[in-house]
C-alpha atoms as a PDB file:
ATOM      1  CA  MET A   1      58.262  26.646   6.922  1.00  0.00           C
ATOM      2  CA  ARG A   2      57.432  22.989   6.018  1.00  0.00           C
ATOM      3  CA  THR A   3      60.668  21.737   3.111  1.00  0.00           C
ATOM      4  CA  ILE A   4      60.786  18.453   1.136  1.00  0.00           C
ATOM      5  CA  ARG A   5      64.214  17.138   0.283  1.00  0.00           C
ATOM      6  CA  LEU A   6      64.684  15.305  -2.656  1.00  0.00           C
ATOM      7  CA  LEU A   7      67.834  12.083  -2.301  1.00  0.00           C
ATOM      8  CA  MET A   8      70.206  11.249  -4.462  1.00  0.00           C
ATOM      9  CA  ALA A   9      71.707   7.458  -4.184  1.00  0.00           C
ATOM     10  CA  LEU A  10      74.337   6.833  -7.008  1.00  0.00           C
ATOM     11  CA  GLY A  11      75.085   3.250  -7.696  1.00  0.00           C
ATOM     12  CA  ALA A  12      77.875   1.680  -9.533  1.00  0.00           C
ATOM     13  CA  LEU A  13      78.837  -1.884 -11.222  1.00  0.00           C
ATOM     14  CA  THR A  14      82.594  -2.141 -11.856  1.00  0.00           C
ATOM     15  CA  ILE A  15      84.935  -4.679 -13.246  1.00  0.00           C
ATOM     16  CA  GLY A  16      87.117  -4.214 -10.317  1.00  0.00           C
ATOM     17  CA  ALA A  17      87.236  -3.302  -6.595  1.00  0.00           C
ATOM     18  CA  LEU A  18      84.844  -0.997  -5.888  1.00  0.00           C
ATOM     19  CA  THR A  19      85.706   2.362  -3.793  1.00  0.00           C
ATOM     20  CA  PRO A  20      83.660   3.458  -1.005  1.00  0.00           C
ATOM     21  CA  ALA A  21      82.941   6.872  -3.122  1.00  0.00           C
ATOM     22  CA  MET A  22      81.055   4.516  -5.810  1.00  0.00           C
ATOM     23  CA  ALA A  23      79.134   2.951  -3.548  1.00  0.00           C
ATOM     24  CA  SER A  24      77.982   6.197  -1.831  1.00  0.00           C
ATOM     25  CA  GLY A  25      74.520   6.000  -1.104  1.00  0.00           C
ATOM     26  CA  HIS A  26      73.665   2.564  -1.087  1.00  0.00           C
ATOM     27  CA  GLN A  27      73.908   0.412   2.155  1.00  0.00           C
ATOM     28  CA  THR A  28      76.035  -2.821   1.506  1.00  0.00           C
ATOM     29  CA  THR A  29      76.420  -5.947   3.028  1.00  0.00           C
ATOM     30  CA  GLY A  30      80.099  -6.008   5.814  1.00  0.00           C
ATOM     31  CA  ASP A  31      82.771  -8.037   3.777  1.00  0.00           C
ATOM     32  CA  GLY A  32      85.713  -6.585   4.762  1.00  0.00           C
ATOM     33  CA  SER A  33      86.302  -8.696   7.283  1.00  0.00           C
ATOM     34  CA  PRO A  34      89.159 -11.383   6.488  1.00  0.00           C
ATOM     35  CA  ARG A  35      87.500 -13.771   7.921  1.00  0.00           C
ATOM     36  CA  ALA A  36      86.903 -17.019   6.155  1.00  0.00           C
ATOM     37  CA  ALA A  37      82.965 -17.754   4.824  1.00  0.00           C
ATOM     38  CA  SER A  38      80.731 -19.449   7.174  1.00  0.00           C
ATOM     39  CA  ALA A  39      80.045 -22.629   5.895  1.00  0.00           C
ATOM     40  CA  ALA A  40      76.403 -21.506   4.835  1.00  0.00           C
ATOM     41  CA  SER A  41      78.097 -18.746   2.549  1.00  0.00           C
ATOM     42  CA  ARG A  42      80.578 -21.362   1.211  1.00  0.00           C
ATOM     43  CA  LEU A  43      77.160 -22.993   0.132  1.00  0.00           C
ATOM     44  CA  ALA A  44      75.677 -19.996  -1.430  1.00  0.00           C
ATOM     45  CA  LEU A  45      78.987 -19.366  -3.476  1.00  0.00           C
ATOM     46  CA  LYS A  46      78.178 -22.755  -5.433  1.00  0.00           C
ATOM     47  CA  ASN A  47      74.387 -22.231  -5.432  1.00  0.00           C
ATOM     48  CA  PRO A  48      72.858 -18.716  -6.252  1.00  0.00           C
ATOM     49  CA  CYS A  49      69.128 -19.745  -5.084  1.00  0.00           C
ATOM     50  CA  SER A  50      70.709 -20.669  -1.575  1.00  0.00           C
ATOM     51  CA  ASP A  51      72.085 -17.146  -1.005  1.00  0.00           C
ATOM     52  CA  HIS A  52      69.425 -14.572   0.628  1.00  0.00           C
ATOM     53  CA  ALA A  53      71.449 -11.781   1.050  1.00  0.00           C
ATOM     54  CA  PHE A  54      70.357  -8.312  -0.013  1.00  0.00           C
ATOM     55  CA  SER A  55      70.531  -4.716   1.204  1.00  0.00           C
ATOM     56  CA  LEU A  56      67.974  -1.297   0.132  1.00  0.00           C
ATOM     57  CA  ILE A  57      68.753   1.940  -1.183  1.00  0.00           C
ATOM     58  CA  GLY A  58      65.551   3.242   0.702  1.00  0.00           C
ATOM     59  CA  GLY A  59      62.442   3.559  -1.002  1.00  0.00           C
ATOM     60  CA  LEU A  60      59.680   2.073  -3.743  1.00  0.00           C
ATOM     61  CA  TRP A  61      58.110   3.287  -6.392  1.00  0.00           C
ATOM     62  CA  SER A  62      54.226   3.615  -6.038  1.00  0.00           C
ATOM     63  CA  HIS A  63      53.292   3.368  -9.640  1.00  0.00           C
ATOM     64  CA  THR A  64      54.755   1.748 -12.924  1.00  0.00           C
ATOM     65  CA  VAL A  65      57.953   2.755 -13.467  1.00  0.00           C
ATOM     66  CA  HIS A  66      58.014   4.526 -17.474  1.00  0.00           C
ATOM     67  CA  TRP A  67      61.639   4.977 -19.116  1.00  0.00           C
ATOM     68  CA  THR A  68      63.044   5.749 -22.358  1.00  0.00           C
ATOM     69  CA  PHE A  69      66.722   5.358 -24.677  1.00  0.00           C
ATOM     70  CA  ASN A  70      68.849   7.673 -25.868  1.00  0.00           C
ATOM     71  CA  ALA A  71      69.330   5.595 -29.014  1.00  0.00           C
ATOM     72  CA  ALA A  72      71.255   8.425 -30.536  1.00  0.00           C
ATOM     73  CA  SER A  73      73.725   7.478 -27.325  1.00  0.00           C
ATOM     74  CA  THR A  74      74.542   3.975 -28.755  1.00  0.00           C
ATOM     75  CA  PRO A  75      78.183   3.598 -29.880  1.00  0.00           C
ATOM     76  CA  ALA A  76      79.232   3.081 -33.393  1.00  0.00           C
ATOM     77  CA  GLY A  77      79.329  -0.612 -34.217  1.00  0.00           C
ATOM     78  CA  GLN A  78      76.338  -1.507 -31.984  1.00  0.00           C
ATOM     79  CA  ASN A  79      72.841  -2.926 -33.888  1.00  0.00           C
ATOM     80  CA  VAL A  80      70.809  -0.168 -31.632  1.00  0.00           C
ATOM     81  CA  ASP A  81      67.976  -2.643 -32.239  1.00  0.00           C
ATOM     82  CA  ASN A  82      69.620  -5.455 -30.463  1.00  0.00           C
ATOM     83  CA  VAL A  83      71.132  -2.871 -27.390  1.00  0.00           C
ATOM     84  CA  GLU A  84      66.971  -1.701 -27.351  1.00  0.00           C
ATOM     85  CA  ALA A  85      66.170  -5.316 -27.099  1.00  0.00           C
ATOM     86  CA  ALA A  86      68.763  -5.977 -24.571  1.00  0.00           C
ATOM     87  CA  LEU A  87      67.495  -2.960 -22.219  1.00  0.00           C
ATOM     88  CA  VAL A  88      63.970  -4.241 -22.680  1.00  0.00           C
ATOM     89  CA  ARG A  89      64.517  -7.199 -21.269  1.00  0.00           C
ATOM     90  CA  SER A  90      66.284  -6.389 -18.378  1.00  0.00           C
ATOM     91  CA  PHE A  91      64.041  -4.152 -17.328  1.00  0.00           C
ATOM     92  CA  ASP A  92      61.294  -7.205 -17.053  1.00  0.00           C
ATOM     93  CA  ASN A  93      63.732  -9.111 -15.767  1.00  0.00           C
ATOM     94  CA  ILE A  94      63.373  -7.418 -12.775  1.00  0.00           C
ATOM     95  CA  THR A  95      59.725  -6.576 -12.838  1.00  0.00           C
ATOM     96  CA  LYS A  96      58.818  -9.994 -13.681  1.00  0.00           C
ATOM     97  CA  GLU A  97      61.629 -12.088 -11.240  1.00  0.00           C
ATOM     98  CA  ARG A  98      62.925 -14.143 -14.016  1.00  0.00           C
ATOM     99  CA  ASN A  99      64.832 -16.747 -12.473  1.00  0.00           C
ATOM    100  CA  ASP A 100      66.318 -19.833 -12.412  1.00  0.00           C
ATOM    101  CA  CYS A 101      65.601 -21.075  -8.953  1.00  0.00           C
ATOM    102  CA  GLY A 102      61.742 -21.827 -10.000  1.00  0.00           C
ATOM    103  CA  ARG A 103      60.369 -19.263  -7.852  1.00  0.00           C
ATOM    104  CA  PRO A 104      57.343 -17.793  -9.163  1.00  0.00           C
ATOM    105  CA  ASP A 105      56.722 -14.088  -9.963  1.00  0.00           C
ATOM    106  CA  LYS A 106      55.545 -12.448  -6.304  1.00  0.00           C
ATOM    107  CA  VAL A 107      56.987  -8.947  -7.266  1.00  0.00           C
ATOM    108  CA  SER A 108      53.966  -6.127  -7.956  1.00  0.00           C
ATOM    109  CA  ALA A 109      56.577  -3.392  -9.615  1.00  0.00           C
ATOM    110  CA  THR A 110      56.202  -2.898 -13.394  1.00  0.00           C
ATOM    111  CA  ASN A 111      57.813  -0.911 -15.983  1.00  0.00           C
ATOM    112  CA  SER A 112      56.629   0.434 -19.758  1.00  0.00           C
ATOM    113  CA  TYR A 113      59.253   0.944 -22.091  1.00  0.00           C
ATOM    114  CA  ASP A 114      57.830   4.343 -24.034  1.00  0.00           C
ATOM    115  CA  GLY A 115      60.367   4.221 -26.795  1.00  0.00           C
ATOM    116  CA  ARG A 116      63.338   6.134 -28.020  1.00  0.00           C
ATOM    117  CA  THR A 117      64.079   9.938 -27.015  1.00  0.00           C
ATOM    118  CA  ALA A 118      66.600  12.677 -27.268  1.00  0.00           C
ATOM    119  CA  ARG A 119      66.783  13.089 -23.338  1.00  0.00           C
ATOM    120  CA  ALA A 120      69.870  12.020 -22.103  1.00  0.00           C
ATOM    121  CA  PRO A 121      70.360  10.642 -18.470  1.00  0.00           C
ATOM    122  CA  GLY A 122      70.942  13.310 -15.451  1.00  0.00           C
ATOM    123  CA  ILE A 123      74.586  11.852 -14.793  1.00  0.00           C
ATOM    124  CA  ASN A 124      77.299  13.424 -15.868  1.00  0.00           C
ATOM    125  CA  LYS A 125      80.871  11.850 -17.330  1.00  0.00           C
ATOM    126  CA  ASN A 126      82.158  11.357 -13.818  1.00  0.00           C
ATOM    127  CA  GLY A 127      79.346   9.104 -12.583  1.00  0.00           C
ATOM    128  CA  GLN A 128      77.555  11.882 -10.453  1.00  0.00           C
ATOM    129  CA  CYS A 129      74.189  12.637 -10.406  1.00  0.00           C
ATOM    130  CA  SER A 130      73.548  15.707 -12.250  1.00  0.00           C
ATOM    131  CA  GLY A 131      69.887  17.406 -12.612  1.00  0.00           C
ATOM    132  CA  SER A 132      66.067  16.244 -12.417  1.00  0.00           C
ATOM    133  CA  ASP A 133      63.104  16.122 -14.593  1.00  0.00           C
ATOM    134  CA  GLY A 134      61.212  13.972 -13.562  1.00  0.00           C
ATOM    135  CA  LYS A 135      62.109  11.483 -16.537  1.00  0.00           C
ATOM    136  CA  ASN A 136      63.668   8.639 -16.772  1.00  0.00           C
ATOM    137  CA  ALA A 137      66.181   7.381 -19.325  1.00  0.00           C
ATOM    138  CA  VAL A 138      68.892   4.679 -20.242  1.00  0.00           C
ATOM    139  CA  GLY A 139      71.632   6.080 -22.251  1.00  0.00           C
ATOM    140  CA  PHE A 140      75.651   5.491 -23.438  1.00  0.00           C
ATOM    141  CA  GLY A 141      77.871   7.695 -22.411  1.00  0.00           C
ATOM    142  CA  ARG A 142      82.072   8.469 -20.773  1.00  0.00           C
ATOM    143  CA  LEU A 143      82.549   7.416 -17.674  1.00  0.00           C
ATOM    144  CA  PRO A 144      85.677   6.864 -15.020  1.00  0.00           C
ATOM    145  CA  ALA A 145      87.902   4.106 -15.883  1.00  0.00           C
ATOM    146  CA  GLY A 146      86.461   0.429 -14.742  1.00  0.00           C
ATOM    147  CA  ILE A 147      83.068   1.391 -14.531  1.00  0.00           C
ATOM    148  CA  LEU A 148      80.518  -0.502 -16.592  1.00  0.00           C
ATOM    149  CA  ALA A 149      77.122   1.888 -15.351  1.00  0.00           C
ATOM    150  CA  VAL A 150      75.900   3.815 -13.362  1.00  0.00           C
ATOM    151  CA  THR A 151      72.433   4.827 -11.832  1.00  0.00           C
ATOM    152  CA  CYS A 152      70.998   7.563 -10.194  1.00  0.00           C
ATOM    153  CA  THR A 153      67.991   7.268  -8.227  1.00  0.00           C
ATOM    154  CA  ARG A 154      65.698  10.468  -6.880  1.00  0.00           C
ATOM    155  CA  ARG A 155      63.468   9.634  -3.930  1.00  0.00           C
ATOM    156  CA  PHE A 156      61.131  12.030  -2.446  1.00  0.00           C
ATOM    157  CA  GLY A 157      60.461  11.139   0.991  1.00  0.00           C
ATOM    158  CA  GLY A 158      59.953   6.866   1.261  1.00  0.00           C
ATOM    159  CA  PHE A 159      59.510   6.841  -2.664  1.00  0.00           C
ATOM    160  CA  ILE A 160      61.579   6.859  -5.858  1.00  0.00           C
ATOM    161  CA  VAL A 161      60.181   9.185  -8.323  1.00  0.00           C
ATOM    162  CA  GLU A 162      62.733   9.563 -11.030  1.00  0.00           C
ATOM    163  CA  ALA A 163      65.735   6.934 -12.302  1.00  0.00           C
ATOM    164  CA  ASP A 164      68.820   7.221 -14.912  1.00  0.00           C
ATOM    165  CA  ILE A 165      71.444   5.009 -15.724  1.00  0.00           C
ATOM    166  CA  ARG A 166      73.987   5.678 -18.116  1.00  0.00           C
ATOM    167  CA  ILE A 167      76.121   2.709 -19.574  1.00  0.00           C
ATOM    168  CA  SER A 168      79.870   3.344 -19.987  1.00  0.00           C
ATOM    169  CA  THR A 169      81.509   4.264 -23.345  1.00  0.00           C
ATOM    170  CA  ARG A 170      85.201   2.438 -22.769  1.00  0.00           C
ATOM    171  CA  PHE A 171      83.901  -0.810 -22.907  1.00  0.00           C
ATOM    172  CA  ASP A 172      83.000  -3.058 -25.799  1.00  0.00           C
ATOM    173  CA  TRP A 173      79.349  -4.220 -25.239  1.00  0.00           C
ATOM    174  CA  ALA A 174      77.012  -7.242 -26.605  1.00  0.00           C
ATOM    175  CA  ALA A 175      73.810  -7.255 -27.008  1.00  0.00           C
ATOM    176  CA  THR A 176      73.435 -11.407 -26.449  1.00  0.00           C
ATOM    177  CA  VAL A 177      75.147 -14.232 -26.043  1.00  0.00           C
ATOM    178  CA  ALA A 178      75.360 -15.283 -29.506  1.00  0.00           C
ATOM    179  CA  ASP A 179      77.315 -12.295 -30.634  1.00  0.00           C
ATOM    180  CA  CYS A 180      79.654 -11.895 -27.268  1.00  0.00           C
ATOM    181  CA  ASN A 181      83.234 -12.056 -28.244  1.00  0.00           C
ATOM    182  CA  ASN A 182      85.120 -11.595 -25.077  1.00  0.00           C
ATOM    183  CA  GLN A 183      83.102  -8.501 -24.211  1.00  0.00           C
ATOM    184  CA  GLU A 184      80.914  -7.525 -21.688  1.00  0.00           C
ATOM    185  CA  LEU A 185      77.022  -8.074 -21.840  1.00  0.00           C
ATOM    186  CA  ILE A 186      74.641  -5.504 -21.788  1.00  0.00           C
ATOM    187  CA  GLU A 187      71.582  -7.255 -20.350  1.00  0.00           C
ATOM    188  CA  PRO A 188      73.443  -8.456 -16.980  1.00  0.00           C
ATOM    189  CA  THR A 189      74.395  -5.101 -16.249  1.00  0.00           C
ATOM    190  CA  ILE A 190      71.327  -3.460 -17.293  1.00  0.00           C
ATOM    191  CA  THR A 191      69.473  -5.822 -14.941  1.00  0.00           C
ATOM    192  CA  HIS A 192      71.835  -5.243 -11.912  1.00  0.00           C
ATOM    193  CA  GLU A 193      71.799  -1.349 -12.705  1.00  0.00           C
ATOM    194  CA  VAL A 194      67.632  -1.721 -12.663  1.00  0.00           C
ATOM    195  CA  GLY A 195      67.284  -3.306  -9.474  1.00  0.00           C
ATOM    196  CA  HIS A 196      68.795   0.203  -8.168  1.00  0.00           C
ATOM    197  CA  VAL A 197      66.299   1.642 -10.088  1.00  0.00           C
ATOM    198  CA  PHE A 198      63.965  -0.496  -7.725  1.00  0.00           C
ATOM    199  CA  GLY A 199      65.363  -0.170  -5.030  1.00  0.00           C
ATOM    200  CA  LEU A 200      68.091  -2.870  -4.224  1.00  0.00           C
ATOM    201  CA  GLY A 201      71.812  -1.829  -3.247  1.00  0.00           C
ATOM    202  CA  HIS A 202      74.428  -3.709  -3.291  1.00  0.00           C
ATOM    203  CA  VAL A 203      75.831  -7.063  -1.473  1.00  0.00           C
ATOM    204  CA  GLY A 204      79.761  -7.718  -1.270  1.00  0.00           C
ATOM    205  CA  GLU A 205      81.133  -9.978  -3.767  1.00  0.00           C
ATOM    206  CA  ARG A 206      83.649 -11.567  -1.883  1.00  0.00           C
ATOM    207  CA  ARG A 207      80.380 -13.413  -0.101  1.00  0.00           C
ATOM    208  CA  HIS A 208      77.753 -12.877  -2.767  1.00  0.00           C
ATOM    209  CA  PRO A 209      79.536 -12.907  -5.995  1.00  0.00           C
ATOM    210  CA  LEU A 210      76.738 -15.092  -7.485  1.00  0.00           C
ATOM    211  CA  LEU A 211      73.956 -12.347  -7.273  1.00  0.00           C
ATOM    212  CA  THR A 212      72.811  -9.731  -9.127  1.00  0.00           C
ATOM    213  CA  MET A 213      73.556  -7.320  -7.126  1.00  0.00           C
ATOM    214  CA  SER A 214      76.979  -8.061  -6.148  1.00  0.00           C
ATOM    215  CA  THR A 215      79.620  -4.840  -7.089  1.00  0.00           C
ATOM    216  CA  GLN A 216      81.471  -6.906  -9.782  1.00  0.00           C
ATOM    217  CA  SER A 217      80.991  -8.276 -13.557  1.00  0.00           C
ATOM    218  CA  ASP A 218      81.089 -11.579 -14.073  1.00  0.00           C
ATOM    219  CA  GLY A 219      83.104 -11.646 -16.674  1.00  0.00           C
ATOM    220  CA  PRO A 220      83.001 -11.213 -20.092  1.00  0.00           C
ATOM    221  CA  CYS A 221      79.976 -12.885 -22.360  1.00  0.00           C
ATOM    222  CA  ASN A 222      78.668 -14.212 -18.726  1.00  0.00           C
ATOM    223  CA  ASN A 223      74.731 -13.929 -18.645  1.00  0.00           C
ATOM    224  CA  ALA A 224      74.589 -15.267 -15.679  1.00  0.00           C
ATOM    225  CA  ALA A 225      72.947 -12.130 -13.860  1.00  0.00           C
ATOM    226  CA  SER A 226      70.521 -11.196 -16.193  1.00  0.00           C
ATOM    227  CA  THR A 227      68.984 -13.965 -13.767  1.00  0.00           C
ATOM    228  CA  LEU A 228      67.686 -12.990 -10.097  1.00  0.00           C
ATOM    229  CA  ALA A 229      69.293 -15.063  -7.361  1.00  0.00           C
ATOM    230  CA  ALA A 230      67.554 -15.752  -4.150  1.00  0.00           C
ATOM    231  CA  GLY A 231      68.733 -12.528  -2.209  1.00  0.00           C
ATOM    232  CA  ASP A 232      67.853 -10.668  -5.073  1.00  0.00           C
ATOM    233  CA  MET A 233      64.340 -11.636  -5.520  1.00  0.00           C
ATOM    234  CA  ASP A 234      63.855 -11.421  -1.652  1.00  0.00           C
ATOM    235  CA  GLY A 235      65.011  -7.623  -1.384  1.00  0.00           C
ATOM    236  CA  LEU A 236      62.298  -6.919  -4.384  1.00  0.00           C
ATOM    237  CA  GLU A 237      59.699  -9.086  -2.530  1.00  0.00           C
ATOM    238  CA  SER A 238      59.980  -7.076   0.282  1.00  0.00           C
ATOM    239  CA  LEU A 239      59.773  -3.948  -1.414  1.00  0.00           C
ATOM    240  CA  TYR A 240      56.948  -5.136  -3.841  1.00  0.00           C
END
């Protein structure tokens, strides 16, 4: 009898240290060594356009990613229109390969925002994948302490067929830099998560903190991760 296995991968962006359990499903760079960074690594720390590290979760999309936003889950006090616009920018940051390195967009991946939905992402309050309906949704919800957002990707063979993103309601969010007052920004956080949606894994924080796909936030009101570094682009270009 032939069987088909549905594989799941979970990725989380944190404000503190990432535990192995939180990183399950992703290939990550070997960052645990206490050795000093090489000269090349020290240069990369100063210039994200010189850091070519990336990892992959094992899978890619064969078609345009259609996604929706569970607007009703937006926390009180947030402007839903502004949050929605930040999410759209985040997806485009990945598929349009937006960067500050002067590199042209060579990524063939595409996305389409299909509007608001009542569907919640298939991720539970513990940050675990829960349920599958063949749709891709972004929404807010409770997550464990220290976790900004979680992405769950579902794969069929070598292809990603579904992805959901859950954004933590434990944090105070800002949708734009102009409106930010010691808050976490939605756009860099979700740009990181959309990287997972399209097949990118984590890179280690200690050696690669300036890459969008590093494991930790750059801090309140810091929008740097909204534009891709060299390794982020290299990874996407290797897939698309």
